[in-house]
Protein backbone atom coordinates (compact mmCIF):
# COMPACT_ATOMS: atom_id res chain seq x y z
CA MET A 1 -0.28 0.02 -0.26
CA ASN A 2 2.96 2.37 0.98
CA VAL A 3 4.44 1.80 -2.40
CA LEU A 4 1.22 2.51 -4.36
CA LYS A 5 1.22 5.80 -2.59
CA ILE A 6 4.81 6.63 -3.07
CA VAL A 7 3.87 6.00 -6.98
CA ILE A 8 0.99 8.44 -7.19
CA LEU A 9 3.08 10.95 -5.26
CA ILE A 10 5.60 10.70 -7.85
CA LEU A 11 2.31 10.42 -10.44
CA ALA A 12 1.90 14.13 -9.31
CA LEU A 13 5.22 15.51 -8.84
CA PHE A 14 6.01 14.52 -12.59
CA ARG A 15 2.17 16.62 -13.62
CA SER A 16 0.45 13.79 -14.39
CA PRO A 17 -3.14 14.52 -15.66
CA LEU A 18 -5.08 15.61 -12.37
CA PHE A 19 -7.90 12.78 -13.04
CA LEU A 20 -5.26 9.91 -12.96
CA VAL A 21 -3.98 11.54 -9.76
CA ILE A 22 -7.43 11.49 -8.30
CA GLY A 23 -8.66 8.75 -9.11
CA ALA A 24 -5.35 6.59 -8.28
CA LEU A 25 -5.94 7.83 -4.61
CA ALA A 26 -9.56 7.30 -4.65
CA LEU A 27 -8.80 3.46 -5.55
CA VAL A 28 -6.26 2.98 -2.77
CA SER A 29 -8.48 4.48 -0.17
CA PHE A 30 -11.29 2.21 -1.41
CA TYR A 31 -8.96 -0.98 -1.25
CA SER A 32 -7.70 0.10 1.96
CA ALA A 33 -11.27 0.57 3.10
CA ASP A 34 -12.81 -2.66 1.94
CA ILE A 35 -15.30 -1.03 -0.37
CA ASP A 36 -15.94 -1.57 -4.02
CA ILE A 37 -13.96 0.32 -6.50
CA SER A 38 -17.05 0.55 -8.79
CA VAL A 39 -18.15 3.76 -7.18
CA VAL A 40 -16.31 5.36 -9.50
CA ILE A 41 -18.33 4.11 -12.40
CA ILE A 42 -21.61 4.78 -10.35
CA GLU A 43 -20.41 8.44 -9.59
CA MET A 44 -20.10 8.74 -13.19
CA ALA A 45 -23.27 7.47 -14.25
CA ARG A 46 -24.71 9.20 -11.61
CA LEU A 47 -23.07 12.96 -12.65
CA ALA A 48 -24.22 11.74 -16.45
CA ASP A 49 -27.85 11.73 -15.62
CA THR A 50 -27.71 15.00 -13.47
CA PRO A 51 -29.86 18.29 -15.48
CA LEU A 52 -27.37 20.69 -14.61
CA LEU A 53 -24.48 19.46 -15.93
CA VAL A 54 -25.98 19.52 -19.18
CA SER A 55 -25.42 23.23 -19.32
CA LEU A 56 -21.57 22.99 -18.62
CA PRO A 57 -20.35 21.25 -21.89
CA LEU A 58 -23.14 23.87 -24.08
CA PHE A 59 -21.62 27.00 -22.36
CA ILE A 60 -18.07 25.70 -22.88
CA PHE A 61 -18.88 25.73 -26.49
CA ALA A 62 -20.74 29.14 -26.66
CA GLY A 63 -17.59 30.82 -24.95
CA ILE A 64 -14.68 28.86 -26.91
CA LEU A 65 -16.67 30.37 -29.96
CA LEU A 66 -17.00 33.64 -28.97
CA SER A 67 -13.12 33.49 -28.21
CA GLU A 68 -12.59 31.97 -31.81
CA SER A 69 -14.19 34.52 -33.85
CA GLN A 70 -13.91 38.53 -34.09
CA ALA A 71 -16.58 39.11 -31.16
CA PRO A 72 -13.74 40.75 -28.76
CA SER A 73 -12.77 43.35 -31.26
CA ARG A 74 -16.60 43.98 -31.80
CA MET A 75 -16.98 44.46 -28.35
CA LEU A 76 -13.52 46.77 -28.00
CA ARG A 77 -15.13 48.89 -31.13
CA PHE A 78 -18.71 49.55 -29.12
CA SER A 79 -17.33 50.07 -25.95
CA GLN A 80 -15.02 52.64 -27.36
CA ILE A 81 -18.00 54.52 -29.11
CA PHE A 82 -20.03 54.39 -26.19
CA LEU A 83 -18.01 54.59 -23.34
CA GLY A 84 -14.49 56.20 -24.42
CA TRP A 85 -16.14 59.80 -23.08
CA LEU A 86 -15.84 58.76 -19.59
CA PRO A 87 -13.28 59.84 -17.32
CA GLY A 88 -10.38 57.07 -17.62
CA GLY A 89 -12.51 55.67 -20.30
CA LEU A 90 -10.53 53.22 -21.89
CA ALA A 91 -9.40 51.57 -18.77
CA VAL A 92 -13.11 51.31 -17.47
CA ILE A 93 -13.82 49.68 -20.83
CA THR A 94 -11.01 47.22 -20.04
CA LEU A 95 -12.47 45.78 -17.44
CA ILE A 96 -15.85 45.85 -18.45
CA VAL A 97 -15.21 44.16 -21.48
CA CYS A 98 -12.84 41.69 -19.66
CA ALA A 99 -15.64 40.71 -17.09
CA ILE A 100 -17.97 40.20 -19.69
CA PHE A 101 -15.80 38.08 -21.84
CA THR A 102 -14.93 36.34 -18.88
CA ALA A 103 -18.43 35.57 -18.07
CA PHE A 104 -18.80 33.66 -21.14
CA THR A 105 -15.59 31.98 -21.55
CA GLY A 106 -14.97 30.71 -18.04
CA ALA A 107 -11.28 31.05 -18.53
CA SER A 108 -8.93 33.67 -17.43
CA GLY A 109 -6.25 32.36 -19.65
CA VAL A 110 -8.58 32.58 -22.92
CA THR A 111 -9.56 36.49 -21.99
CA ILE A 112 -5.63 37.69 -21.43
CA PHE A 113 -4.91 35.90 -25.21
CA ALA A 114 -7.77 37.21 -27.00
CA LEU A 115 -7.87 40.66 -25.57
CA GLY A 116 -4.42 41.30 -24.25
CA GLY A 117 -3.15 42.06 -27.61
CA LEU A 118 -5.90 44.28 -28.63
CA LEU A 119 -5.90 46.61 -24.93
CA LEU A 120 -2.32 46.81 -24.06
CA PRO A 121 -1.74 48.67 -27.26
CA ALA A 122 -4.74 50.51 -27.11
CA LEU A 123 -3.73 51.70 -23.06
CA LEU A 124 -0.17 52.75 -23.98
CA LYS A 125 -1.42 54.86 -26.92
CA ASP A 126 -3.91 56.66 -24.88
CA GLY A 127 -1.51 57.34 -22.41
CA TYR A 128 -1.57 54.59 -19.67
CA GLY A 129 1.80 53.77 -18.06
CA ASN A 130 3.53 50.18 -19.06
CA THR A 131 3.07 49.03 -15.71
CA PHE A 132 -0.50 50.00 -14.90
CA SER A 133 -1.81 49.03 -18.57
CA MET A 134 0.19 44.96 -17.86
CA GLY A 135 -1.53 45.23 -14.13
CA LEU A 136 -5.23 46.38 -15.46
CA ILE A 137 -5.63 43.37 -18.26
CA THR A 138 -3.76 40.90 -15.81
CA SER A 139 -6.31 41.30 -12.80
CA SER A 140 -9.13 41.83 -15.28
CA GLY A 141 -8.28 38.41 -16.92
CA SER A 142 -10.51 36.58 -14.60
CA LEU A 143 -12.76 39.34 -13.47
CA GLY A 144 -16.12 37.54 -14.79
CA LEU A 145 -15.87 34.73 -13.07
CA LEU A 146 -18.80 36.09 -10.46
CA PHE A 147 -20.98 37.16 -13.50
CA PRO A 148 -23.84 34.53 -14.91
CA PRO A 149 -23.26 32.25 -17.03
CA SER A 150 -19.83 31.63 -15.32
CA LEU A 151 -18.57 27.87 -15.78
CA PRO A 152 -17.18 27.73 -12.17
CA LEU A 153 -20.47 28.77 -10.55
CA ILE A 154 -22.55 26.10 -12.36
CA LEU A 155 -19.78 23.65 -11.60
CA TYR A 156 -19.97 24.68 -7.44
CA GLY A 157 -23.38 24.02 -7.82
CA VAL A 158 -23.62 20.87 -9.16
CA ILE A 159 -20.95 19.84 -6.26
CA ALA A 160 -22.79 21.64 -4.02
CA GLU A 161 -26.25 20.60 -5.24
CA GLU A 162 -27.45 24.07 -5.21
CA ARG A 163 -29.80 25.83 -7.50
CA ILE A 164 -27.43 27.41 -10.26
CA ASP A 165 -30.51 30.37 -11.01
CA HIS A 166 -29.54 31.45 -7.23
CA LEU A 167 -26.11 31.02 -7.70
CA PHE A 168 -26.46 33.32 -10.74
CA LEU A 169 -28.24 36.20 -8.81
CA ALA A 170 -25.78 35.51 -5.87
CA GLY A 171 -22.98 36.65 -8.27
CA ILE A 172 -24.00 39.96 -9.62
CA LEU A 173 -23.52 41.94 -6.07
CA PRO A 174 -20.20 41.21 -5.51
CA GLY A 175 -19.03 41.24 -8.64
CA ILE A 176 -20.47 44.74 -9.49
CA LEU A 177 -18.67 46.10 -6.19
CA MET A 178 -15.04 44.60 -7.18
CA LEU A 179 -15.51 45.58 -11.17
CA LEU A 180 -16.79 49.40 -9.32
CA LEU A 181 -13.79 49.55 -6.85
CA LEU A 182 -11.04 48.87 -9.46
CA ILE A 183 -13.18 51.11 -12.02
CA GLY A 184 -12.82 53.93 -9.28
CA TYR A 185 -8.77 53.19 -9.38
CA ALA A 186 -8.82 52.99 -12.70
CA VAL A 187 -10.10 56.38 -13.18
CA ALA A 188 -8.05 58.06 -10.33
CA LYS A 189 -4.96 56.75 -12.03
CA SER A 190 -5.65 57.63 -15.69
CA PRO A 191 -3.54 60.24 -17.17
CA PRO A 192 -4.98 63.81 -18.27
CA ARG A 193 -7.58 63.95 -20.50
CA ARG A 194 -7.27 65.04 -23.64
CA LYS A 195 -9.27 66.39 -26.56
CA ARG A 196 -11.03 63.52 -27.98
CA ALA A 197 -12.15 63.30 -31.62
CA GLY A 198 -15.71 62.92 -31.68
CA TYR A 199 -17.38 59.96 -33.38
CA SER A 200 -19.96 60.54 -36.41
CA SER A 201 -22.96 59.53 -36.57
CA GLY A 202 -22.17 56.71 -39.56
CA GLU A 203 -19.26 55.80 -37.31
CA ILE A 204 -21.65 55.20 -34.26
CA ARG A 205 -24.80 53.47 -36.42
CA GLN A 206 -21.31 51.14 -38.03
CA GLY A 207 -20.56 50.39 -34.42
CA LEU A 208 -24.14 49.29 -33.34
CA ARG A 209 -24.59 47.26 -36.27
CA GLU A 210 -21.13 45.36 -35.69
CA ILE A 211 -22.09 44.48 -32.33
CA ALA A 212 -26.38 44.09 -32.63
CA TRP A 213 -25.91 40.59 -32.65
CA GLU A 214 -23.81 39.48 -29.97
CA LEU A 215 -25.68 42.45 -27.55
CA PRO A 216 -28.83 40.70 -26.82
CA LEU A 217 -27.10 37.63 -25.53
CA PRO A 218 -27.11 38.25 -21.44
CA VAL A 219 -30.71 39.56 -21.86
CA ILE A 220 -31.31 36.41 -23.47
CA LEU A 221 -29.53 34.32 -21.01
CA LEU A 222 -30.54 35.95 -17.45
CA GLY A 223 -34.54 37.26 -19.13
CA GLY A 224 -35.03 33.59 -19.95
CA ILE A 225 -34.28 32.02 -16.83
CA TYR A 226 -35.18 34.40 -14.38
CA GLY A 227 -38.57 35.02 -16.23
CA GLY A 228 -39.86 31.92 -16.04
CA ILE A 229 -39.14 30.67 -19.71
CA PHE A 230 -36.60 28.13 -19.75
CA VAL A 231 -34.57 26.37 -17.02
CA PRO A 232 -30.65 27.08 -16.66
CA GLY A 233 -30.14 24.04 -19.05
CA GLU A 234 -31.93 25.05 -21.92
CA ALA A 235 -30.65 28.42 -21.57
CA ALA A 236 -27.41 26.70 -21.84
CA ALA A 237 -28.79 25.01 -25.34
CA ILE A 238 -30.42 28.75 -26.32
CA THR A 239 -27.16 30.63 -25.77
CA ALA A 240 -24.92 27.54 -27.54
CA LEU A 241 -27.22 28.09 -30.79
CA TYR A 242 -27.40 31.51 -30.60
CA VAL A 243 -23.78 32.19 -30.44
CA LEU A 244 -23.17 29.48 -33.49
CA VAL A 245 -25.63 31.13 -35.61
CA VAL A 246 -24.57 34.60 -35.35
CA GLU A 247 -20.50 33.78 -35.71
CA VAL A 248 -21.20 31.64 -38.43
CA ALA A 249 -23.61 32.30 -40.23
CA ILE A 250 -24.66 36.30 -39.72
CA HIS A 251 -20.93 37.66 -39.03
CA ARG A 252 -19.38 34.32 -40.75
CA ASP A 253 -16.02 34.90 -38.62
CA ILE A 254 -16.12 30.92 -38.22
CA SER A 255 -16.09 28.51 -41.19
CA LEU A 256 -17.90 25.16 -41.18
CA GLY A 257 -14.82 23.67 -41.48
CA GLN A 258 -13.22 24.92 -37.94
CA LEU A 259 -16.41 23.80 -36.44
CA PRO A 260 -15.06 20.07 -35.94
CA ALA A 261 -11.78 21.59 -34.08
CA ILE A 262 -13.78 24.00 -32.06
CA MET A 263 -16.41 21.24 -30.71
CA SER A 264 -13.08 18.94 -30.10
CA LYS A 265 -12.11 21.72 -28.12
CA SER A 266 -14.88 22.21 -26.30
CA MET A 267 -15.32 18.89 -25.79
CA VAL A 268 -12.25 17.47 -24.57
CA LEU A 269 -12.19 20.90 -21.59
CA PHE A 270 -15.69 19.30 -20.98
CA GLY A 271 -14.45 15.66 -20.53
CA GLY A 272 -11.30 16.69 -18.84
CA ILE A 273 -14.10 18.14 -16.02
CA LEU A 274 -16.42 15.25 -16.09
CA VAL A 275 -13.46 12.45 -15.25
CA ILE A 276 -12.01 14.77 -12.66
CA LEU A 277 -15.76 15.49 -10.97
CA ALA A 278 -16.54 11.87 -11.01
CA THR A 279 -13.35 10.80 -9.18
CA SER A 280 -13.47 13.30 -6.86
CA MET A 281 -17.13 12.84 -6.10
CA ALA A 282 -15.84 8.99 -5.55
CA SER A 283 -12.92 10.25 -3.31
CA THR A 284 -15.85 12.63 -1.56
CA ASN A 285 -17.76 9.26 -0.85
CA TYR A 286 -15.01 7.81 0.97
CA LEU A 287 -14.25 10.97 2.79
CA ILE A 288 -18.21 10.77 4.19
CA ASP A 289 -17.89 6.63 4.68
CA GLN A 290 -14.84 7.18 7.04
CA GLN A 291 -16.68 10.32 8.44
CA ILE A 292 -13.55 12.35 7.79
CA PRO A 293 -15.63 16.16 7.63
CA SER A 294 -17.72 15.58 10.55
CA ARG A 295 -13.83 14.73 12.53
CA LEU A 296 -12.60 17.48 10.99
CA PHE A 297 -15.10 19.81 12.18
CA GLU A 298 -14.95 18.64 15.63
CA PHE A 299 -10.95 19.42 15.76
CA ILE A 300 -11.47 22.45 13.98
CA GLN A 301 -13.73 23.54 16.57
CA ASN A 302 -11.32 23.06 19.39
CA TYR A 303 -9.11 25.63 18.10
CA ILE A 304 -11.81 28.23 16.08
CA ASP A 305 -15.07 29.16 18.34
CA ASN A 306 -16.74 31.37 15.75
CA LYS A 307 -17.13 31.12 12.22
CA TYR A 308 -15.88 34.77 11.29
CA THR A 309 -12.48 33.59 12.67
CA PHE A 310 -13.33 30.50 10.61
CA LEU A 311 -14.05 32.57 7.75
CA LEU A 312 -10.71 33.95 7.76
CA LEU A 313 -8.65 31.25 8.08
CA LEU A 314 -10.55 29.49 4.90
CA ASN A 315 -9.73 32.97 2.77
CA VAL A 316 -6.17 32.35 3.48
CA PHE A 317 -5.99 28.91 2.48
CA LEU A 318 -8.54 29.46 -0.65
CA LEU A 319 -6.08 32.43 -1.55
CA LEU A 320 -2.95 29.67 -1.69
CA VAL A 321 -4.87 26.73 -3.32
CA GLY A 322 -6.67 30.02 -6.41
CA ALA A 323 -2.63 30.39 -6.58
CA MET A 324 -1.87 26.57 -7.17
CA LEU A 325 -4.30 25.16 -8.86
CA ASP A 326 -6.81 25.52 -11.65
CA ILE A 327 -10.19 26.42 -10.67
CA PHE A 328 -11.90 23.71 -12.11
CA ALA A 329 -9.60 21.04 -9.86
CA ALA A 330 -9.65 23.28 -6.88
CA LEU A 331 -13.70 23.32 -7.00
CA VAL A 332 -13.79 19.39 -7.22
CA LEU A 333 -11.24 18.71 -4.85
CA ILE A 334 -11.81 21.29 -2.05
CA VAL A 335 -15.62 22.08 -2.04
CA PRO A 336 -16.92 18.64 -1.02
CA LEU A 337 -14.51 18.50 2.37
CA ILE A 338 -14.77 22.60 3.10
CA LEU A 339 -18.81 22.58 2.50
CA PRO A 340 -19.94 20.42 5.86
CA ILE A 341 -17.73 22.17 7.65
CA ALA A 342 -18.77 25.49 6.78
CA THR A 343 -22.09 24.23 6.60
CA GLY A 344 -21.50 23.35 10.39
CA TYR A 345 -20.40 26.51 11.39
CA GLY A 346 -24.12 28.36 9.90
CA ILE A 347 -22.46 29.52 6.42
CA ASP A 348 -25.05 29.37 4.05
CA PRO A 349 -23.80 27.21 0.87
CA ILE A 350 -24.54 30.26 -1.79
CA HIS A 351 -22.29 32.41 0.19
CA LEU A 352 -19.58 29.71 0.66
CA GLY A 353 -19.68 29.45 -3.08
CA ILE A 354 -19.37 33.17 -3.89
CA ILE A 355 -16.37 33.32 -1.41
CA PHE A 356 -14.76 30.04 -2.77
CA LEU A 357 -15.15 31.91 -6.46
CA THR A 358 -13.88 35.49 -4.91
CA ASN A 359 -10.69 33.38 -3.81
CA LEU A 360 -9.89 31.66 -6.41
CA GLN A 361 -10.23 34.48 -8.44
CA ILE A 362 -8.04 36.55 -6.98
CA GLY A 363 -5.87 33.73 -6.97
CA TYR A 364 -5.17 33.56 -10.28
CA CYS A 365 -3.19 37.07 -10.22
CA THR A 366 -1.65 36.62 -6.64
CA PRO A 367 2.27 36.09 -6.37
CA PRO A 368 4.36 33.88 -6.25
CA VAL A 369 2.68 31.65 -8.99
CA GLY A 370 -0.98 32.79 -9.82
CA LEU A 371 -1.74 31.38 -13.24
CA ASN A 372 -2.52 34.87 -14.73
CA LEU A 373 1.07 36.37 -13.82
CA PHE A 374 2.68 33.66 -15.89
CA LEU A 375 -0.08 34.03 -18.92
CA ALA A 376 0.30 37.53 -18.99
CA SER A 377 4.22 37.43 -18.55
CA TYR A 378 3.60 34.86 -21.76
CA ARG A 379 1.58 37.30 -23.78
CA PHE A 380 3.19 40.07 -23.14
CA GLU A 381 6.76 38.93 -22.77
CA ARG A 382 8.06 40.54 -19.99
CA PRO A 383 9.51 39.11 -17.09
CA VAL A 384 7.22 37.36 -14.03
CA THR A 385 8.58 39.86 -11.54
CA GLU A 386 7.46 42.93 -13.62
CA LEU A 387 3.74 41.38 -13.65
CA TYR A 388 4.02 40.86 -9.54
CA ARG A 389 4.66 44.55 -9.33
CA ALA A 390 1.75 45.62 -12.04
CA THR A 391 -1.12 43.81 -10.14
CA LEU A 392 -0.42 44.18 -6.49
CA PRO A 393 -2.42 47.71 -6.23
CA PHE A 394 -4.88 46.04 -8.05
CA LEU A 395 -4.69 42.96 -5.91
CA GLY A 396 -5.19 45.06 -3.12
CA LEU A 397 -8.50 46.38 -3.79
CA LEU A 398 -9.28 42.96 -4.76
CA LEU A 399 -8.71 41.88 -1.36
CA VAL A 400 -10.77 44.66 0.30
CA THR A 401 -13.77 42.91 -1.89
CA LEU A 402 -13.15 39.91 -0.77
CA ALA A 403 -13.27 41.08 3.02
CA ILE A 404 -16.61 42.88 2.47
CA ILE A 405 -17.97 39.97 0.27
CA THR A 406 -17.01 37.50 3.17
CA TYR A 407 -18.19 39.40 6.39
CA PHE A 408 -21.61 41.06 4.49
CA PRO A 409 -23.41 37.98 3.16
CA TRP A 410 -26.36 40.18 2.25
CA LEU A 411 -24.56 40.83 -0.84
CA SER A 412 -25.02 37.49 -1.95
CA SER A 413 -28.64 36.98 -1.09
CA ALA A 414 -30.11 40.21 -1.68
CA LEU A 415 -31.14 39.42 -5.25
CA ILE A 416 -32.34 36.10 -4.30
CA ARG A 417 -34.55 37.43 -2.06
CA TYR A 418 -35.95 39.77 -3.95
CA LEU A 419 -35.78 37.59 -7.72
CA GLY A 420 -34.87 34.07 -6.57
């Protein structure tokens, strides 16, 4: 048994696929506890029948379609026309466009690579400093993970067995608060305003025509769900079909010949999530069978007697997890373990989900190993240490937002009470 554990450790050190490491750990655990290993297959079958899980591959497909099209350029052009007059206009545009784009793609790396090459030259040309511009884009890369139809929100709902529509509502106000704090800082740091040439009526009409088909997407998605027209799974299908028609048939950014590669890319990503999720949920069965969450809760209670101290320590732990693990892996590994403990302290699972995602979102740009820092370093061809310095002011504001979100749970629950 010890030899097997050493082999698994070696697999992890040599960066083997995560599902292999988790699955191997689960099988070893089942064997040591004399549990039938068919539980892994049972979990995969159960997950495949989960109605909420249907929305994941569809939203992934829609997000990759958008990222492979010219939608980012159209969004930026539209925002410059209608928001460029604001103080710090281009910085505000960067934050808003990145947040919207990340909400649909669900992966900050996609946002940095799709928009970074467009935004950095534009910010430098507008008079923003190089350090500020790189810090702004790097920090904005994961900004939309609290906004629907964020894939991590859906995944948390599947793992925690919470309503997806409630999670969508819960993330809106915390996400807006985070956006507003960063906008305020961006406006304060913006260069002196210069006389800007106005856009002609023809350019304005052209900008509207370019974005006219993508603009209704949030309305279709949220209006359909909260108007009672369709459930999240149906909303995902409508969104995927709508994006497919717009990008392939109307804008023709994507040819029919490109579709198989895009579908393959989408399903590979979803397949990885599904396998990791199944092996992780099987491991969760072992943890529950061995009463590990309840034992851990009893142990923690000996040292932490109130939920506010627990939340503080949880935030520190999750920031470290977010800096070291991909957000999907972090969710499937950590949520099943932490959720019963947090519930024992009287923390609402929906509020816990928003705390989770906020921490993991910030972890993406937390030195020294935050994923966004290395992606931005590669995209902008700058030393990663330079990105550390560039993101520090934004990181400070994000941590302030995290504290507010953590200790004022009504931010997560207000819209659910009024609209849910």
